[in-house]
Amino acid sequence: MKKILIPTVLCTAMLFSQNIAHASETNNVKQMQQTKSVESIVIDGKKITSEILEDNEEFRKVKVTSGDEITTATYDKVNNEITIEEEGKKAVKIQPSNHFKSSKSEFNLDATAKDKVIAEAEDDWWGYGYKITRYEKTFKWKIYSPDKSSTVKENSSNKSDLVDFRNAVDTMESYQKEAYAVLGATTAAVIAELVAAPATLGSTAVVAIVTGLGGSVTAGYKVWQAYKAKQDCDYRFESATN
């Protein structure tokens, strides 16, 4: 059998070439990973950037910045809780909520009243909603929040406030639907944490919760819209019931 001998110099050159190609490929992968670990989006005219600081089997830590505002979120994967640290504020530890609290159950409509319902809605996360029924020559509104409920007969004085509350609930529901479309596998976890979160969080903190749980900055923006709409629902509810 005839043997083909390849010069040592040629072998060395081939190996060196392969090593360079492998190193180049490895560097490209690292660069892609680094790019994916930093995401940015503009919210209300402000650029918000989320950066993954660390992610392992036990916890995931992200930093979200917007100008001078810095928020970090650390998700404890073992104990299923997230800690939010907004610069200049005390750290907040959030335990996920299993379900929202709604006062809707306080309403007991009889069969004839149900036939007169012309509009109703309830958001999926916090439990704001309304039920509008025909009542004599006007309408009866049953509106509710997570903690309160009220039955109001519509008149010229309160109609505007009632309609504003209805619009606020509808707007919040639309934002929630948009959030569902981009949250993906993180949907349940994000909602559980958000429902349990304080009502005074800023946009960077909300984005930090979402990205800390593995969601994207885009998802964080959609969740922020729903969270902000909740604040409007609170205001509109108080206006309609006072």
C-alpha atoms as a PDB file:
ATOM      1  CA  MET A   1       0.000   0.000   0.000  1.00  0.00           C
ATOM      2  CA  LYS A   2       1.334   3.387  -0.943  1.00  0.00           C
ATOM      3  CA  LYS A   3       1.522   5.862   1.913  1.00  0.00           C
ATOM      4  CA  ILE A   4       0.993   9.575   1.406  1.00  0.00           C
ATOM      5  CA  LEU A   5       3.202  11.671   3.628  1.00  0.00           C
ATOM      6  CA  ILE A   6       2.080  15.186   4.515  1.00  0.00           C
ATOM      7  CA  PRO A   7       4.874  17.521   5.512  1.00  0.00           C
ATOM      8  CA  THR A   8       4.896  18.522   9.207  1.00  0.00           C
ATOM      9  CA  VAL A   9       4.821  22.205   8.295  1.00  0.00           C
ATOM     10  CA  LEU A  10       1.633  21.698   6.262  1.00  0.00           C
ATOM     11  CA  CYS A  11      -0.061  19.795   9.132  1.00  0.00           C
ATOM     12  CA  THR A  12       0.827  22.550  11.553  1.00  0.00           C
ATOM     13  CA  ALA A  13      -0.568  25.172   9.183  1.00  0.00           C
ATOM     14  CA  MET A  14      -3.846  23.255   8.795  1.00  0.00           C
ATOM     15  CA  LEU A  15      -4.281  22.863  12.563  1.00  0.00           C
ATOM     16  CA  PHE A  16      -3.476  26.532  13.132  1.00  0.00           C
ATOM     17  CA  SER A  17      -6.055  27.530  10.521  1.00  0.00           C
ATOM     18  CA  GLN A  18      -8.720  25.332  12.168  1.00  0.00           C
ATOM     19  CA  ASN A  19      -7.954  26.784  15.604  1.00  0.00           C
ATOM     20  CA  ILE A  20      -8.302  30.331  14.293  1.00  0.00           C
ATOM     21  CA  ALA A  21     -11.647  29.483  12.690  1.00  0.00           C
ATOM     22  CA  HIS A  22     -12.895  27.898  15.942  1.00  0.00           C
ATOM     23  CA  ALA A  23     -11.694  30.852  18.019  1.00  0.00           C
ATOM     24  CA  SER A  24     -13.395  33.259  15.633  1.00  0.00           C
ATOM     25  CA  GLU A  25     -16.653  31.294  15.851  1.00  0.00           C
ATOM     26  CA  THR A  26     -16.439  31.219  19.660  1.00  0.00           C
ATOM     27  CA  ASN A  27     -15.901  34.982  19.797  1.00  0.00           C
ATOM     28  CA  ASN A  28     -18.898  35.526  17.526  1.00  0.00           C
ATOM     29  CA  VAL A  29     -21.077  33.460  19.858  1.00  0.00           C
ATOM     30  CA  LYS A  30     -19.880  35.447  22.866  1.00  0.00           C
ATOM     31  CA  GLN A  31     -20.589  38.704  21.076  1.00  0.00           C
ATOM     32  CA  MET A  32     -24.111  37.531  20.236  1.00  0.00           C
ATOM     33  CA  GLN A  33     -24.720  36.529  23.852  1.00  0.00           C
ATOM     34  CA  GLN A  34     -23.475  39.895  25.086  1.00  0.00           C
ATOM     35  CA  THR A  35     -25.743  41.684  22.632  1.00  0.00           C
ATOM     36  CA  LYS A  36     -28.764  39.676  23.765  1.00  0.00           C
ATOM     37  CA  SER A  37     -27.989  40.422  27.444  1.00  0.00           C
ATOM     38  CA  VAL A  38     -28.542  44.161  26.879  1.00  0.00           C
ATOM     39  CA  GLU A  39     -31.857  45.480  25.515  1.00  0.00           C
ATOM     40  CA  SER A  40     -33.198  49.007  25.174  1.00  0.00           C
ATOM     41  CA  ILE A  41     -36.562  50.625  24.527  1.00  0.00           C
ATOM     42  CA  VAL A  42     -38.002  54.145  24.699  1.00  0.00           C
ATOM     43  CA  ILE A  43     -40.880  54.677  27.156  1.00  0.00           C
ATOM     44  CA  ASP A  44     -42.586  58.068  27.446  1.00  0.00           C
ATOM     45  CA  GLY A  45     -39.621  59.688  25.693  1.00  0.00           C
ATOM     46  CA  LYS A  46     -37.067  58.043  28.004  1.00  0.00           C
ATOM     47  CA  LYS A  47     -34.579  55.407  26.876  1.00  0.00           C
ATOM     48  CA  ILE A  48     -34.670  52.416  29.209  1.00  0.00           C
ATOM     49  CA  THR A  49     -31.912  49.807  29.068  1.00  0.00           C
ATOM     50  CA  SER A  50     -31.990  46.392  30.727  1.00  0.00           C
ATOM     51  CA  GLU A  51     -28.769  44.451  31.304  1.00  0.00           C
ATOM     52  CA  ILE A  52     -28.426  40.914  32.646  1.00  0.00           C
ATOM     53  CA  LEU A  53     -25.736  41.045  35.336  1.00  0.00           C
ATOM     54  CA  GLU A  54     -25.851  37.382  36.317  1.00  0.00           C
ATOM     55  CA  ASP A  55     -27.999  34.360  35.535  1.00  0.00           C
ATOM     56  CA  ASN A  56     -27.479  30.924  37.055  1.00  0.00           C
ATOM     57  CA  GLU A  57     -29.487  28.074  38.562  1.00  0.00           C
ATOM     58  CA  GLU A  58     -30.147  29.952  41.803  1.00  0.00           C
ATOM     59  CA  PHE A  59     -30.840  33.526  40.784  1.00  0.00           C
ATOM     60  CA  ARG A  60     -31.074  36.000  37.932  1.00  0.00           C
ATOM     61  CA  LYS A  61     -30.003  39.616  38.423  1.00  0.00           C
ATOM     62  CA  VAL A  62     -30.726  42.480  36.021  1.00  0.00           C
ATOM     63  CA  LYS A  63     -30.019  46.202  36.041  1.00  0.00           C
ATOM     64  CA  VAL A  64     -32.399  48.652  34.392  1.00  0.00           C
ATOM     65  CA  THR A  65     -31.309  52.237  33.770  1.00  0.00           C
ATOM     66  CA  SER A  66     -33.039  55.346  32.459  1.00  0.00           C
ATOM     67  CA  GLY A  67     -30.922  58.484  32.675  1.00  0.00           C
ATOM     68  CA  ASP A  68     -29.843  58.794  36.304  1.00  0.00           C
ATOM     69  CA  GLU A  69     -32.501  56.332  37.448  1.00  0.00           C
ATOM     70  CA  ILE A  70     -31.143  52.854  38.237  1.00  0.00           C
ATOM     71  CA  THR A  71     -33.146  49.827  39.373  1.00  0.00           C
ATOM     72  CA  THR A  72     -31.901  46.301  39.994  1.00  0.00           C
ATOM     73  CA  ALA A  73     -34.048  43.195  40.253  1.00  0.00           C
ATOM     74  CA  THR A  74     -32.842  39.912  41.700  1.00  0.00           C
ATOM     75  CA  TYR A  75     -35.037  36.885  41.105  1.00  0.00           C
ATOM     76  CA  ASP A  76     -34.493  34.098  43.634  1.00  0.00           C
ATOM     77  CA  LYS A  77     -35.311  30.996  41.599  1.00  0.00           C
ATOM     78  CA  VAL A  78     -35.134  28.707  44.626  1.00  0.00           C
ATOM     79  CA  ASN A  79     -37.615  30.606  46.815  1.00  0.00           C
ATOM     80  CA  ASN A  80     -39.593  32.112  43.911  1.00  0.00           C
ATOM     81  CA  GLU A  81     -39.371  35.732  45.021  1.00  0.00           C
ATOM     82  CA  ILE A  82     -37.993  38.894  43.481  1.00  0.00           C
ATOM     83  CA  THR A  83     -36.246  41.813  45.175  1.00  0.00           C
ATOM     84  CA  ILE A  84     -36.491  45.279  43.633  1.00  0.00           C
ATOM     85  CA  GLU A  85     -33.931  47.944  44.529  1.00  0.00           C
ATOM     86  CA  GLU A  86     -34.711  51.420  43.213  1.00  0.00           C
ATOM     87  CA  GLU A  87     -31.857  53.860  43.740  1.00  0.00           C
ATOM     88  CA  GLY A  88     -32.443  55.984  46.826  1.00  0.00           C
ATOM     89  CA  LYS A  89     -35.296  53.785  48.057  1.00  0.00           C
ATOM     90  CA  LYS A  90     -35.594  50.839  50.401  1.00  0.00           C
ATOM     91  CA  ALA A  91     -35.387  47.431  48.738  1.00  0.00           C
ATOM     92  CA  VAL A  92     -38.747  45.721  48.199  1.00  0.00           C
ATOM     93  CA  LYS A  93     -39.108  41.943  48.314  1.00  0.00           C
ATOM     94  CA  ILE A  94     -42.133  40.631  46.407  1.00  0.00           C
ATOM     95  CA  GLN A  95     -43.757  37.250  46.941  1.00  0.00           C
ATOM     96  CA  PRO A  96     -45.959  36.133  44.021  1.00  0.00           C
ATOM     97  CA  SER A  97     -49.729  36.322  44.431  1.00  0.00           C
ATOM     98  CA  ASN A  98     -51.787  33.258  43.541  1.00  0.00           C
ATOM     99  CA  HIS A  99     -54.816  35.203  42.328  1.00  0.00           C
ATOM    100  CA  PHE A 100     -56.237  38.704  42.209  1.00  0.00           C
ATOM    101  CA  LYS A 101     -58.731  39.994  44.719  1.00  0.00           C
ATOM    102  CA  SER A 102     -62.024  41.123  43.250  1.00  0.00           C
ATOM    103  CA  SER A 103     -65.123  42.499  44.936  1.00  0.00           C
ATOM    104  CA  LYS A 104     -67.260  41.349  42.008  1.00  0.00           C
ATOM    105  CA  SER A 105     -68.609  38.439  44.067  1.00  0.00           C
ATOM    106  CA  GLU A 106     -70.506  40.918  46.228  1.00  0.00           C
ATOM    107  CA  PHE A 107     -72.957  41.492  43.400  1.00  0.00           C
ATOM    108  CA  ASN A 108     -76.033  39.269  43.401  1.00  0.00           C
ATOM    109  CA  LEU A 109     -78.125  39.947  40.330  1.00  0.00           C
ATOM    110  CA  ASP A 110     -81.448  38.211  39.924  1.00  0.00           C
ATOM    111  CA  ALA A 111     -82.415  36.475  36.675  1.00  0.00           C
ATOM    112  CA  THR A 112     -84.437  39.398  35.326  1.00  0.00           C
ATOM    113  CA  ALA A 113     -81.609  41.826  36.003  1.00  0.00           C
ATOM    114  CA  LYS A 114     -79.135  39.628  34.101  1.00  0.00           C
ATOM    115  CA  ASP A 115     -81.340  39.851  31.034  1.00  0.00           C
ATOM    116  CA  LYS A 116     -80.958  43.625  31.107  1.00  0.00           C
ATOM    117  CA  VAL A 117     -77.159  43.688  31.183  1.00  0.00           C
ATOM    118  CA  ILE A 118     -75.901  45.769  28.262  1.00  0.00           C
ATOM    119  CA  ALA A 119     -72.160  45.859  29.001  1.00  0.00           C
ATOM    120  CA  GLU A 120     -69.698  44.296  31.435  1.00  0.00           C
ATOM    121  CA  ALA A 121     -65.972  43.736  31.763  1.00  0.00           C
ATOM    122  CA  GLU A 122     -63.339  42.684  34.285  1.00  0.00           C
ATOM    123  CA  ASP A 123     -59.587  42.839  33.945  1.00  0.00           C
ATOM    124  CA  ASP A 124     -57.582  39.636  34.362  1.00  0.00           C
ATOM    125  CA  TRP A 125     -54.891  40.822  36.757  1.00  0.00           C
ATOM    126  CA  TRP A 126     -56.268  43.025  39.528  1.00  0.00           C
ATOM    127  CA  GLY A 127     -60.034  42.697  39.397  1.00  0.00           C
ATOM    128  CA  TYR A 128     -61.361  46.059  38.211  1.00  0.00           C
ATOM    129  CA  GLY A 129     -64.615  45.918  36.329  1.00  0.00           C
ATOM    130  CA  TYR A 130     -68.126  47.113  35.671  1.00  0.00           C
ATOM    131  CA  LYS A 131     -71.590  45.820  34.873  1.00  0.00           C
ATOM    132  CA  ILE A 132     -74.152  48.138  33.295  1.00  0.00           C
ATOM    133  CA  THR A 133     -77.857  47.276  33.339  1.00  0.00           C
ATOM    134  CA  ARG A 134     -80.949  49.081  32.122  1.00  0.00           C
ATOM    135  CA  TYR A 135     -82.815  50.618  35.031  1.00  0.00           C
ATOM    136  CA  GLU A 136     -86.183  52.271  34.409  1.00  0.00           C
ATOM    137  CA  LYS A 137     -85.382  55.123  32.015  1.00  0.00           C
ATOM    138  CA  THR A 138     -81.666  55.230  32.763  1.00  0.00           C
ATOM    139  CA  PHE A 139     -78.793  52.855  33.655  1.00  0.00           C
ATOM    140  CA  LYS A 140     -77.498  51.271  36.812  1.00  0.00           C
ATOM    141  CA  TRP A 141     -73.731  50.858  37.116  1.00  0.00           C
ATOM    142  CA  LYS A 142     -72.075  48.273  39.337  1.00  0.00           C
ATOM    143  CA  ILE A 143     -68.392  49.125  39.427  1.00  0.00           C
ATOM    144  CA  TYR A 144     -65.671  47.420  41.412  1.00  0.00           C
ATOM    145  CA  SER A 145     -61.995  47.473  42.255  1.00  0.00           C
ATOM    146  CA  PRO A 146     -59.915  44.875  44.138  1.00  0.00           C
ATOM    147  CA  ASP A 147     -61.063  46.334  47.466  1.00  0.00           C
ATOM    148  CA  LYS A 148     -64.311  48.211  46.900  1.00  0.00           C
ATOM    149  CA  SER A 149     -67.566  48.022  45.010  1.00  0.00           C
ATOM    150  CA  SER A 150     -70.388  50.444  44.403  1.00  0.00           C
ATOM    151  CA  THR A 151     -73.803  50.505  42.743  1.00  0.00           C
ATOM    152  CA  VAL A 152     -74.619  53.840  41.141  1.00  0.00           C
ATOM    153  CA  LYS A 153     -77.662  55.087  39.258  1.00  0.00           C
ATOM    154  CA  GLU A 154     -76.518  57.092  36.257  1.00  0.00           C
ATOM    155  CA  ASN A 155     -77.526  60.747  36.061  1.00  0.00           C
ATOM    156  CA  SER A 156     -76.286  63.895  34.351  1.00  0.00           C
ATOM    157  CA  SER A 157     -73.908  64.655  37.221  1.00  0.00           C
ATOM    158  CA  ASN A 158     -72.062  61.329  37.390  1.00  0.00           C
ATOM    159  CA  LYS A 159     -72.324  60.039  33.818  1.00  0.00           C
ATOM    160  CA  SER A 160     -68.964  61.468  32.751  1.00  0.00           C
ATOM    161  CA  ASP A 161     -67.117  59.913  35.719  1.00  0.00           C
ATOM    162  CA  LEU A 162     -68.748  56.524  35.144  1.00  0.00           C
ATOM    163  CA  VAL A 163     -67.867  56.548  31.452  1.00  0.00           C
ATOM    164  CA  ASP A 164     -64.292  57.549  32.309  1.00  0.00           C
ATOM    165  CA  PHE A 165     -64.001  54.547  34.647  1.00  0.00           C
ATOM    166  CA  ARG A 166     -65.376  52.227  31.984  1.00  0.00           C
ATOM    167  CA  ASN A 167     -62.884  53.579  29.443  1.00  0.00           C
ATOM    168  CA  ALA A 168     -60.028  53.150  31.931  1.00  0.00           C
ATOM    169  CA  VAL A 169     -60.929  49.487  32.498  1.00  0.00           C
ATOM    170  CA  ASP A 170     -61.260  48.849  28.760  1.00  0.00           C
ATOM    171  CA  THR A 171     -57.893  50.508  28.105  1.00  0.00           C
ATOM    172  CA  MET A 172     -56.191  48.447  30.797  1.00  0.00           C
ATOM    173  CA  GLU A 173     -57.682  45.257  29.364  1.00  0.00           C
ATOM    174  CA  SER A 174     -56.342  46.123  25.906  1.00  0.00           C
ATOM    175  CA  TYR A 175     -52.842  46.619  27.331  1.00  0.00           C
ATOM    176  CA  GLN A 176     -53.073  43.303  29.160  1.00  0.00           C
ATOM    177  CA  LYS A 177     -53.948  41.533  25.919  1.00  0.00           C
ATOM    178  CA  GLU A 178     -50.940  43.131  24.222  1.00  0.00           C
ATOM    179  CA  ALA A 179     -48.744  41.986  27.112  1.00  0.00           C
ATOM    180  CA  TYR A 180     -49.983  38.400  26.754  1.00  0.00           C
ATOM    181  CA  ALA A 181     -48.824  38.420  23.131  1.00  0.00           C
ATOM    182  CA  VAL A 182     -45.182  39.137  24.056  1.00  0.00           C
ATOM    183  CA  LEU A 183     -44.748  37.615  27.533  1.00  0.00           C
ATOM    184  CA  GLY A 184     -44.774  34.024  26.325  1.00  0.00           C
ATOM    185  CA  ALA A 185     -43.632  31.477  28.927  1.00  0.00           C
ATOM    186  CA  THR A 186     -43.106  34.196  31.558  1.00  0.00           C
ATOM    187  CA  THR A 187     -46.778  35.279  31.577  1.00  0.00           C
ATOM    188  CA  ALA A 188     -47.949  33.559  34.768  1.00  0.00           C
ATOM    189  CA  ALA A 189     -44.831  34.461  36.757  1.00  0.00           C
ATOM    190  CA  VAL A 190     -44.880  38.123  35.739  1.00  0.00           C
ATOM    191  CA  ILE A 191     -48.573  38.583  36.544  1.00  0.00           C
ATOM    192  CA  ALA A 192     -48.212  36.838  39.914  1.00  0.00           C
ATOM    193  CA  GLU A 193     -45.344  39.139  40.912  1.00  0.00           C
ATOM    194  CA  LEU A 194     -46.929  42.289  39.491  1.00  0.00           C
ATOM    195  CA  VAL A 195     -50.240  41.787  41.292  1.00  0.00           C
ATOM    196  CA  ALA A 196     -48.318  41.510  44.571  1.00  0.00           C
ATOM    197  CA  ALA A 197     -46.107  44.536  43.837  1.00  0.00           C
ATOM    198  CA  PRO A 198     -46.582  47.979  45.422  1.00  0.00           C
ATOM    199  CA  ALA A 199     -48.745  50.437  43.492  1.00  0.00           C
ATOM    200  CA  THR A 200     -46.011  53.094  43.415  1.00  0.00           C
ATOM    201  CA  LEU A 201     -43.352  51.474  41.223  1.00  0.00           C
ATOM    202  CA  GLY A 202     -41.782  53.455  38.400  1.00  0.00           C
ATOM    203  CA  SER A 203     -41.309  52.300  34.818  1.00  0.00           C
ATOM    204  CA  THR A 204     -37.765  51.009  35.393  1.00  0.00           C
ATOM    205  CA  ALA A 205     -38.917  48.892  38.343  1.00  0.00           C
ATOM    206  CA  VAL A 206     -41.732  47.309  36.336  1.00  0.00           C
ATOM    207  CA  VAL A 207     -39.383  46.579  33.430  1.00  0.00           C
ATOM    208  CA  ALA A 208     -36.907  45.122  35.947  1.00  0.00           C
ATOM    209  CA  ILE A 209     -39.556  42.718  37.260  1.00  0.00           C
ATOM    210  CA  VAL A 210     -40.323  41.478  33.760  1.00  0.00           C
ATOM    211  CA  THR A 211     -36.719  41.128  32.582  1.00  0.00           C
ATOM    212  CA  GLY A 212     -35.705  39.692  35.942  1.00  0.00           C
ATOM    213  CA  LEU A 213     -38.191  36.894  35.351  1.00  0.00           C
ATOM    214  CA  GLY A 214     -36.809  36.264  31.875  1.00  0.00           C
ATOM    215  CA  GLY A 215     -39.092  38.443  29.762  1.00  0.00           C
ATOM    216  CA  SER A 216     -37.986  40.946  27.124  1.00  0.00           C
ATOM    217  CA  VAL A 217     -37.808  44.722  27.416  1.00  0.00           C
ATOM    218  CA  THR A 218     -40.670  44.943  24.914  1.00  0.00           C
ATOM    219  CA  ALA A 219     -42.766  42.771  27.231  1.00  0.00           C
ATOM    220  CA  GLY A 220     -41.721  45.030  30.098  1.00  0.00           C
ATOM    221  CA  TYR A 221     -43.036  48.041  28.198  1.00  0.00           C
ATOM    222  CA  LYS A 222     -46.417  46.388  27.578  1.00  0.00           C
ATOM    223  CA  VAL A 223     -46.693  45.382  31.231  1.00  0.00           C
ATOM    224  CA  TRP A 224     -45.790  48.937  32.259  1.00  0.00           C
ATOM    225  CA  GLN A 225     -48.651  50.276  30.139  1.00  0.00           C
ATOM    226  CA  ALA A 226     -51.096  47.973  31.937  1.00  0.00           C
ATOM    227  CA  TYR A 227     -49.594  48.846  35.327  1.00  0.00           C
ATOM    228  CA  LYS A 228     -49.897  52.566  34.608  1.00  0.00           C
ATOM    229  CA  ALA A 229     -53.486  52.085  33.401  1.00  0.00           C
ATOM    230  CA  LYS A 230     -54.256  50.489  36.772  1.00  0.00           C
ATOM    231  CA  GLN A 231     -53.349  53.762  38.459  1.00  0.00           C
ATOM    232  CA  ASP A 232     -55.832  55.539  36.201  1.00  0.00           C
ATOM    233  CA  CYS A 233     -58.501  52.977  37.145  1.00  0.00           C
ATOM    234  CA  ASP A 234     -57.923  53.771  40.826  1.00  0.00           C
ATOM    235  CA  TYR A 235     -58.349  57.476  40.186  1.00  0.00           C
ATOM    236  CA  ARG A 236     -61.445  57.040  38.003  1.00  0.00           C
ATOM    237  CA  PHE A 237     -63.051  54.668  40.506  1.00  0.00           C
ATOM    238  CA  GLU A 238     -62.661  57.182  43.329  1.00  0.00           C
ATOM    239  CA  SER A 239     -64.053  59.966  41.139  1.00  0.00           C
ATOM    240  CA  ALA A 240     -67.086  57.884  40.202  1.00  0.00           C
ATOM    241  CA  THR A 241     -67.897  56.834  43.764  1.00  0.00           C
ATOM    242  CA  ASN A 242     -67.328  60.099  45.639  1.00  0.00           C
END
